[in-house]
Protein backbone atom coordinates (compact mmCIF):
# COMPACT_ATOMS: atom_id res chain seq x y z
CA MET A 1 -85.81 -104.31 137.51
CA SER A 2 -88.23 -102.80 134.99
CA ASP A 3 -87.57 -102.30 131.23
CA TYR A 4 -89.70 -99.17 131.09
CA PHE A 5 -88.01 -95.95 129.80
CA PRO A 6 -89.62 -92.55 130.02
CA PRO A 7 -90.74 -91.07 126.65
CA PRO A 8 -88.45 -88.50 124.96
CA PRO A 9 -89.28 -84.83 125.40
CA PRO A 10 -91.26 -83.25 122.64
CA GLU A 11 -89.39 -81.27 119.89
CA GLN A 12 -89.00 -77.63 120.70
CA PRO A 13 -89.77 -75.13 117.96
CA GLN A 14 -86.66 -73.44 116.53
CA PRO A 15 -86.54 -69.67 116.68
CA GLU A 16 -86.95 -68.06 113.31
CA HIS A 17 -84.59 -65.28 112.23
CA PRO A 18 -86.58 -62.21 111.63
CA ALA A 19 -86.27 -60.71 108.13
CA PRO A 20 -84.46 -57.38 107.88
CA VAL A 21 -86.51 -54.28 107.97
CA GLY A 22 -87.75 -53.28 104.50
CA ALA A 23 -86.86 -56.64 102.89
CA SER A 24 -89.48 -58.45 100.87
CA PRO A 25 -90.86 -61.62 102.41
CA PRO A 26 -89.25 -64.82 101.15
CA SER A 27 -90.91 -66.57 98.28
CA PRO A 28 -92.37 -69.96 99.09
CA TRP A 29 -90.88 -71.27 95.81
CA ALA A 30 -87.31 -70.04 96.46
CA ALA A 31 -84.61 -72.52 97.43
CA PRO A 32 -83.62 -72.52 101.01
CA ALA A 33 -80.72 -70.19 101.81
CA ALA A 34 -77.33 -71.88 102.07
CA PRO A 35 -75.51 -71.65 105.33
CA PRO A 36 -72.91 -68.79 105.47
CA GLY A 37 -69.99 -71.18 105.74
CA LYS A 38 -70.84 -73.04 102.53
CA GLN A 39 -71.20 -69.77 100.56
CA ARG A 40 -67.71 -68.60 101.60
CA THR A 41 -66.14 -71.96 100.69
CA GLY A 42 -67.70 -71.92 97.20
CA LEU A 43 -66.43 -68.37 96.56
CA ILE A 44 -62.87 -69.36 97.50
CA VAL A 45 -62.97 -72.40 95.20
CA THR A 46 -64.30 -70.30 92.31
CA LEU A 47 -61.59 -67.67 92.74
CA ALA A 48 -58.86 -70.33 92.92
CA VAL A 49 -60.03 -72.07 89.75
CA GLY A 50 -60.36 -68.78 87.86
CA GLY A 51 -56.89 -67.62 88.94
CA GLY A 52 -55.37 -70.94 87.86
CA LEU A 53 -57.00 -70.65 84.43
CA VAL A 54 -55.67 -67.10 84.01
CA VAL A 55 -52.11 -68.16 84.96
CA ALA A 56 -52.26 -71.18 82.63
CA GLY A 57 -53.45 -68.99 79.74
CA ALA A 58 -50.62 -66.51 80.32
CA MET A 59 -48.04 -69.33 80.33
CA VAL A 60 -49.43 -70.76 77.06
CA ALA A 61 -49.29 -67.32 75.40
CA LEU A 62 -45.69 -66.78 76.60
CA VAL A 63 -44.54 -70.17 75.31
CA TYR A 64 -46.25 -69.60 71.95
CA SER A 65 -44.60 -66.16 71.53
CA LEU A 66 -41.15 -67.61 72.36
CA MET A 67 -41.58 -70.45 69.85
CA ASP A 68 -42.73 -67.99 67.20
CA SER A 69 -39.67 -65.75 67.69
CA VAL A 70 -37.29 -68.75 67.60
CA SER A 71 -38.83 -70.07 64.37
CA ASP A 72 -38.45 -66.62 62.77
CA SER A 73 -34.78 -66.43 63.73
CA ILE A 74 -33.96 -69.81 62.12
CA ALA A 75 -33.22 -69.31 58.44
CA LEU A 76 -34.72 -72.07 56.39
CA PRO A 77 -32.72 -73.30 53.36
CA PRO A 78 -34.06 -72.12 50.02
CA GLU A 79 -36.30 -74.54 48.26
CA ARG A 80 -34.86 -76.27 45.24
CA SER A 81 -36.27 -74.90 42.05
CA ASP A 82 -36.83 -76.86 38.87
CA ALA A 83 -36.52 -73.72 36.75
CA PRO A 84 -33.68 -73.75 34.17
CA TYR A 85 -30.41 -72.13 35.23
CA SER A 86 -29.89 -68.55 34.16
CA GLU A 87 -26.75 -66.51 34.65
CA PRO A 88 -26.88 -63.52 37.02
CA TYR A 89 -27.43 -60.17 35.36
CA ASP A 90 -24.35 -58.60 36.97
CA GLU A 91 -21.97 -61.33 35.84
CA LYS A 92 -19.61 -60.19 33.12
CA PRO A 93 -19.05 -62.45 30.12
CA TYR A 94 -15.94 -64.57 30.25
CA GLU A 95 -12.94 -62.91 28.72
CA GLU A 96 -9.88 -64.91 27.90
CA GLU A 97 -6.80 -63.53 29.60
CA PRO A 98 -4.17 -62.28 27.22
CA SER A 99 -1.15 -64.51 26.94
CA TYR A 100 2.23 -62.97 27.50
CA GLU A 101 4.69 -64.66 25.20
CA GLU A 102 8.23 -63.56 24.81
CA PRO A 103 8.68 -61.64 21.59
CA VAL A 104 10.55 -63.52 18.91
CA GLU A 105 13.69 -61.71 17.91
CA PRO A 106 13.84 -61.00 14.21
CA VAL A 107 16.24 -63.03 12.12
CA ALA A 108 18.53 -61.07 9.85
CA PRO A 109 17.68 -61.62 6.20
CA GLY A 110 20.29 -63.08 3.88
CA PRO A 111 21.97 -66.42 3.30
CA ALA A 112 21.87 -69.18 5.90
CA ALA A 113 23.60 -68.24 9.15
CA GLU A 114 25.61 -71.48 9.26
CA GLY A 115 27.64 -70.21 6.29
CA ASP A 116 28.75 -67.16 8.33
CA VAL A 117 30.80 -69.31 10.77
CA THR A 118 34.11 -71.04 10.06
CA ILE A 119 36.17 -73.17 12.47
CA THR A 120 39.73 -71.88 12.19
CA LYS A 121 41.25 -74.07 14.91
CA CYS A 122 40.17 -77.13 16.91
CA THR A 123 42.60 -78.19 19.62
CA ARG A 124 43.05 -79.70 23.06
CA ASP A 125 44.80 -78.00 25.92
CA SER A 126 48.09 -79.76 26.63
CA LEU A 127 47.91 -79.18 30.41
CA ILE A 128 44.33 -80.00 31.41
CA GLY A 129 43.09 -81.78 28.26
CA TRP A 130 40.02 -79.52 27.74
CA PRO A 131 39.02 -78.86 24.09
CA HIS A 132 38.23 -75.49 22.42
CA ALA A 133 37.38 -74.22 18.95
CA ASP A 134 38.46 -70.88 17.43
CA LEU A 135 35.80 -69.40 15.11
CA ARG A 136 35.66 -66.68 12.49
CA ILE A 137 32.23 -65.12 11.89
CA VAL A 138 31.39 -62.94 8.88
CA ASN A 139 28.04 -61.14 8.79
CA ARG A 140 26.76 -61.81 5.26
CA SER A 141 23.31 -60.35 5.94
CA GLY A 142 22.26 -56.83 5.04
CA SER A 143 21.74 -55.58 8.62
CA PRO A 144 23.70 -55.56 11.90
CA ALA A 145 23.37 -58.87 13.77
CA ALA A 146 24.52 -60.74 16.84
CA TYR A 147 25.50 -64.43 16.84
CA ILE A 148 25.19 -67.42 19.17
CA VAL A 149 27.19 -70.43 17.97
CA SER A 150 26.96 -73.91 19.56
CA ILE A 151 29.93 -76.30 19.08
CA THR A 152 30.12 -80.02 19.87
CA PHE A 153 33.33 -81.98 20.44
CA VAL A 154 33.30 -85.59 19.23
CA ASN A 155 35.82 -88.42 19.60
CA ALA A 156 37.18 -90.71 16.90
CA ASP A 157 34.03 -92.86 17.03
CA GLY A 158 31.75 -89.81 16.47
CA ALA A 159 30.35 -89.71 20.03
CA VAL A 160 29.89 -86.29 21.63
CA VAL A 161 32.30 -85.90 24.56
CA SER A 162 31.86 -82.17 25.30
CA ASP A 163 30.24 -78.98 24.02
CA GLY A 164 30.75 -75.22 24.10
CA VAL A 165 29.10 -71.90 23.12
CA ALA A 166 30.50 -68.74 21.53
CA THR A 167 28.62 -65.40 21.38
CA THR A 168 29.19 -62.03 19.74
CA GLU A 169 27.93 -58.51 20.14
CA GLU A 170 26.78 -56.43 17.18
CA VAL A 171 28.49 -57.32 13.92
CA ALA A 172 28.02 -54.86 11.06
CA PRO A 173 27.04 -56.14 7.59
CA GLY A 174 30.14 -57.50 5.84
CA ALA A 175 32.28 -57.28 9.00
CA SER A 176 33.98 -60.27 10.67
CA VAL A 177 34.93 -61.21 14.25
CA LYS A 178 36.93 -63.99 15.94
CA VAL A 179 35.55 -65.83 18.98
CA ARG A 180 36.30 -69.03 20.90
CA ALA A 181 33.96 -71.83 22.03
CA GLN A 182 35.41 -73.47 25.15
CA GLY A 183 34.59 -77.10 25.99
CA SER A 184 34.62 -78.59 29.50
CA GLY A 185 36.16 -81.78 30.77
CA GLU A 186 39.21 -83.72 29.66
CA VAL A 187 39.02 -85.32 26.22
CA ALA A 188 41.27 -87.68 24.33
CA ALA A 189 43.71 -86.58 21.68
CA GLY A 190 42.23 -86.46 18.19
CA THR A 191 38.91 -84.95 19.34
CA ARG A 192 37.17 -83.05 16.53
CA CYS A 193 35.00 -79.87 16.55
CA LYS A 194 31.63 -79.58 14.80
CA ILE A 195 29.19 -76.64 14.38
CA ALA A 196 25.92 -77.73 15.96
CA GLU A 197 23.76 -74.57 15.61
CA VAL A 198 24.09 -70.90 14.60
CA ASP A 199 21.60 -68.23 15.66
CA ARG A 200 21.81 -64.86 13.92
CA HIS A 201 19.66 -62.09 15.45
CA ALA A 202 19.07 -58.83 13.63
CA LEU A 203 19.70 -55.68 15.65
């Protein structure tokens, strides 16, 4: 068996595509034309990359506008100032509120009010043992007056065991009235009556 192989057939010339009518002949220095398939693939890639860049730019602009609006809506606290404090212009100066005190009733002129009162009777009730004092009041002042007389009841040792109050209406100057100061609570026999305070109010 022989190792001889027949020679390969010679290369056949490829048919050249005729140039379109009216087109200028190709330059010998121009790059060879790319196959149609490669041109279409490059155009698709270019369009895809450009569209992606446009979409990415739109997203960045949208996010930036949202962040800007949110930062505007958040109120920042005022910065601390080292300037000295000054009062507002509209603030009114402090005015002390007037005090409302009860008017003091005038005291009738004349001698001391204690001298207008005399204890005419100091006794103890025989049934319930409560003490009372009968008083005579003479208005020695020069104007009408009303009286409030406080009486204390003391035992043999001088300790206060009860008290009472007698009041009058208007007493004319020089006139006299009789009133009673009633004590409360049972006291022992021999309890005494003492004038504690006399208020004379001019009318």
